[in-house]
Amino acid sequence: MPEPVDLQRDLQVLEIELRKLEIEYNQFFAGRLPRPPVESRKRVEQLVKRLDRSHIANYGDRFRFTTLQSRYAMFTELWERGLRTREEGRGGGFGAAPKRDESAPAADPKNRVLHVAAFGNPGSDADKLRELYDRLSEARKSVGEAPVPFSRFSELVNDQVGRLRQKGSAEVAFRVAVKDGKVSFTAKGVKGGA
């Protein structure tokens, strides 16, 4: 049985590592990383398995771990779907970033995924919401569109999360992309479960 201090530290490490892994996958699907972050994913998976095998007596810690475990499972499903889409050569989804081929002409800069983020409750993760807003604002500026006020953007994200959660989605994935020189901001419900 892990000590409460060690358990708290492990849960904090898991939360940080999961956030880093999410960022690395976002970079991979946006074309900034050449390969999926397999090593980081193994590290997170080992930590999840180790904590899952241990007895967590405190209900608050158990809830926190179960939430992180569900989030990891949801992300794993999302990433696998994106990788499968990319391998099959189909457009759309999070696997839409083109494969790099030295002999082929450069990828069309008008069509690219810039950022992906998932929320269960946007109010509890202000940093991630701000990063999503910043990426959307940068994308809009790059194509000559005016940025949306943060308050309006925050309301939109909260409305979409609320609407899709009522339809049974554990979390909602938002994607900022540029298609044919126009900014695309989409929300998609993701089923979760540990």
Protein backbone atom coordinates (compact mmCIF):
# COMPACT_ATOMS: atom_id res chain seq x y z
CA MET A 1 0.00 0.00 0.00
CA PRO A 2 1.56 3.34 -1.02
CA GLU A 3 2.07 6.02 1.62
CA PRO A 4 -0.34 8.99 1.31
CA VAL A 5 2.52 11.39 0.50
CA ASP A 6 3.91 9.04 -2.17
CA LEU A 7 0.43 8.53 -3.59
CA GLN A 8 -0.17 12.29 -3.79
CA ARG A 9 3.18 12.70 -5.55
CA ASP A 10 2.41 9.83 -7.97
CA LEU A 11 -0.98 11.30 -8.82
CA GLN A 12 0.60 14.69 -9.45
CA VAL A 13 3.29 13.10 -11.64
CA LEU A 14 0.60 11.17 -13.56
CA GLU A 15 -1.38 14.37 -14.15
CA ILE A 16 1.72 16.23 -15.40
CA GLU A 17 2.90 13.34 -17.59
CA LEU A 18 -0.57 12.92 -19.09
CA ARG A 19 -0.69 16.61 -19.95
CA LYS A 20 2.79 16.40 -21.56
CA LEU A 21 1.72 13.33 -23.53
CA GLU A 22 -1.37 15.16 -24.77
CA ILE A 23 0.81 18.04 -25.96
CA GLU A 24 3.22 15.65 -27.70
CA TYR A 25 0.36 13.94 -29.54
CA ASN A 26 -1.05 17.35 -30.53
CA GLN A 27 2.35 18.22 -31.96
CA PHE A 28 2.56 14.87 -33.76
CA PHE A 29 -0.87 15.24 -35.38
CA ALA A 30 -0.05 18.86 -36.28
CA GLY A 31 3.07 17.63 -38.10
CA ARG A 32 5.62 19.09 -35.65
CA LEU A 33 6.88 15.69 -34.45
CA PRO A 34 7.96 13.04 -36.97
CA ARG A 35 6.83 10.05 -34.85
CA PRO A 36 4.17 9.39 -32.21
CA PRO A 37 5.48 9.79 -28.63
CA VAL A 38 5.70 6.04 -27.88
CA GLU A 39 8.20 6.33 -25.00
CA SER A 40 6.15 8.96 -23.18
CA ARG A 41 3.02 6.88 -23.66
CA LYS A 42 4.73 3.79 -22.19
CA ARG A 43 5.80 5.83 -19.16
CA VAL A 44 2.23 7.03 -18.54
CA GLU A 45 0.79 3.57 -19.13
CA GLN A 46 3.19 1.99 -16.62
CA LEU A 47 2.30 4.60 -14.00
CA VAL A 48 -1.44 4.05 -14.60
CA LYS A 49 -1.01 0.26 -14.26
CA ARG A 50 1.08 0.58 -11.10
CA LEU A 51 -1.46 2.87 -9.45
CA ASP A 52 -4.34 0.68 -10.62
CA ARG A 53 -2.78 -2.36 -8.91
CA SER A 54 -2.27 -0.50 -5.62
CA HIS A 55 -4.94 -0.07 -2.96
CA ILE A 56 -6.09 3.53 -2.62
CA ALA A 57 -8.06 3.90 0.61
CA ASN A 58 -8.81 7.64 0.42
CA TYR A 59 -11.96 8.27 -1.67
CA GLY A 60 -10.69 11.64 -2.88
CA ASP A 61 -7.45 10.12 -4.14
CA ARG A 62 -9.35 7.19 -5.67
CA PHE A 63 -11.67 9.60 -7.50
CA ARG A 64 -8.73 11.66 -8.74
CA PHE A 65 -6.97 8.53 -10.02
CA THR A 66 -10.14 7.17 -11.66
CA THR A 67 -10.65 10.52 -13.41
CA LEU A 68 -7.05 10.50 -14.71
CA GLN A 69 -7.38 6.85 -15.74
CA SER A 70 -10.60 7.60 -17.66
CA ARG A 71 -8.95 10.58 -19.32
CA TYR A 72 -5.99 8.44 -20.38
CA ALA A 73 -8.36 5.77 -21.79
CA MET A 74 -10.30 8.43 -23.71
CA PHE A 75 -7.11 9.95 -25.13
CA THR A 76 -5.78 6.50 -26.06
CA GLU A 77 -8.95 5.79 -28.03
CA LEU A 78 -8.75 9.20 -29.71
CA TRP A 79 -5.06 8.79 -30.61
CA GLU A 80 -5.53 5.25 -31.92
CA ARG A 81 -8.39 6.42 -34.11
CA GLY A 82 -6.24 9.28 -35.44
CA LEU A 83 -3.31 6.96 -36.16
CA ARG A 84 -5.59 4.45 -37.89
CA THR A 85 -7.11 7.22 -40.01
CA ARG A 86 -3.65 8.44 -40.96
CA GLU A 87 -2.41 4.93 -41.81
CA GLU A 88 -5.46 4.29 -43.97
CA GLY A 89 -4.81 7.54 -45.82
CA ARG A 90 -8.28 8.90 -45.13
CA GLY A 91 -8.79 12.61 -44.61
CA GLY A 92 -10.57 14.13 -41.64
CA GLY A 93 -10.23 13.26 -37.99
CA PHE A 94 -7.12 14.04 -36.03
CA GLY A 95 -4.98 11.96 -38.38
CA ALA A 96 -5.38 14.39 -41.24
CA ALA A 97 -1.84 15.73 -41.16
CA PRO A 98 -0.07 14.51 -44.30
CA LYS A 99 2.85 12.10 -44.12
CA ARG A 100 6.23 13.59 -44.89
CA ASP A 101 7.68 12.35 -48.18
CA GLU A 102 10.87 13.94 -49.43
CA SER A 103 10.06 13.22 -53.10
CA ALA A 104 6.55 14.68 -52.89
CA PRO A 105 5.88 18.40 -53.13
CA ALA A 106 5.62 20.28 -49.83
CA ALA A 107 2.37 19.85 -47.90
CA ASP A 108 -0.31 22.40 -48.63
CA PRO A 109 0.07 25.04 -45.88
CA LYS A 110 -3.61 25.93 -46.37
CA ASN A 111 -4.72 22.57 -44.88
CA ARG A 112 -3.36 21.63 -41.46
CA VAL A 113 -4.42 20.72 -37.93
CA LEU A 114 -2.98 23.25 -35.48
CA HIS A 115 -4.18 22.12 -32.07
CA VAL A 116 -6.37 19.53 -30.33
CA ALA A 117 -7.61 19.72 -26.73
CA ALA A 118 -10.22 17.75 -24.78
CA PHE A 119 -12.31 19.00 -21.86
CA GLY A 120 -14.59 17.34 -19.35
CA ASN A 121 -15.07 20.64 -17.55
CA PRO A 122 -13.42 23.72 -19.13
CA GLY A 123 -13.84 25.73 -15.93
CA SER A 124 -11.45 23.41 -14.08
CA ASP A 125 -8.63 23.71 -16.62
CA ALA A 126 -8.13 27.39 -17.34
CA ASP A 127 -4.58 26.93 -18.71
CA LYS A 128 -5.70 24.47 -21.36
CA LEU A 129 -8.68 26.69 -22.27
CA ARG A 130 -6.36 29.70 -22.62
CA GLU A 131 -3.94 27.70 -24.80
CA LEU A 132 -6.80 26.60 -27.06
CA TYR A 133 -7.95 30.23 -27.32
CA ASP A 134 -4.42 31.43 -28.12
CA ARG A 135 -4.04 28.83 -30.88
CA LEU A 136 -7.41 29.75 -32.38
CA SER A 137 -6.54 33.47 -32.24
CA GLU A 138 -3.16 32.86 -33.91
CA ALA A 139 -4.84 30.83 -36.64
CA ARG A 140 -7.46 33.53 -37.26
CA LYS A 141 -4.77 36.24 -37.44
CA SER A 142 -2.71 34.14 -39.87
CA VAL A 143 -5.59 34.07 -42.35
CA GLY A 144 -6.56 37.72 -41.81
CA GLU A 145 -9.55 37.17 -39.52
CA ALA A 146 -10.12 39.11 -36.31
CA PRO A 147 -9.77 37.17 -33.05
CA VAL A 148 -12.90 36.42 -31.02
CA PRO A 149 -13.10 37.94 -27.51
CA PHE A 150 -12.03 35.41 -24.86
CA SER A 151 -15.33 35.71 -22.94
CA ARG A 152 -17.33 34.80 -26.05
CA PHE A 153 -14.95 31.93 -26.84
CA SER A 154 -15.18 30.61 -23.27
CA GLU A 155 -18.99 30.67 -23.42
CA LEU A 156 -18.94 28.78 -26.73
CA VAL A 157 -16.64 26.07 -25.36
CA ASN A 158 -18.73 25.71 -22.18
CA ASP A 159 -21.95 25.50 -24.23
CA GLN A 160 -20.50 22.84 -26.55
CA VAL A 161 -19.16 20.78 -23.63
CA GLY A 162 -22.51 21.01 -21.82
CA ARG A 163 -24.49 20.08 -24.93
CA LEU A 164 -22.29 17.11 -25.88
CA ARG A 165 -22.04 15.84 -22.29
CA GLN A 166 -25.85 15.79 -22.12
CA LYS A 167 -25.72 13.50 -25.18
CA GLY A 168 -23.49 11.05 -23.28
CA SER A 169 -19.95 12.18 -24.08
CA ALA A 170 -17.51 11.98 -21.17
CA GLU A 171 -15.29 14.66 -22.69
CA VAL A 172 -15.35 16.93 -25.72
CA ALA A 173 -12.38 17.22 -28.09
CA PHE A 174 -11.87 20.59 -29.81
CA ARG A 175 -9.76 20.95 -32.93
CA VAL A 176 -8.30 24.09 -34.48
CA ALA A 177 -7.40 23.57 -38.13
CA VAL A 178 -6.91 25.53 -41.32
CA LYS A 179 -8.73 24.21 -44.40
CA ASP A 180 -8.54 25.91 -47.78
CA GLY A 181 -7.17 29.05 -46.15
CA LYS A 182 -10.04 29.29 -43.60
CA VAL A 183 -9.96 28.53 -39.89
CA SER A 184 -11.99 25.53 -38.76
CA PHE A 185 -12.92 25.15 -35.07
CA THR A 186 -14.78 21.90 -34.36
CA ALA A 187 -16.05 20.07 -31.30
CA LYS A 188 -16.59 16.33 -31.10
CA GLY A 189 -17.93 14.28 -28.20
CA VAL A 190 -15.70 11.45 -27.02
CA LYS A 191 -17.07 8.50 -25.07
CA GLY A 192 -14.99 7.74 -22.01
CA GLY A 193 -14.62 4.98 -19.50
CA ALA A 194 -11.98 3.30 -17.44
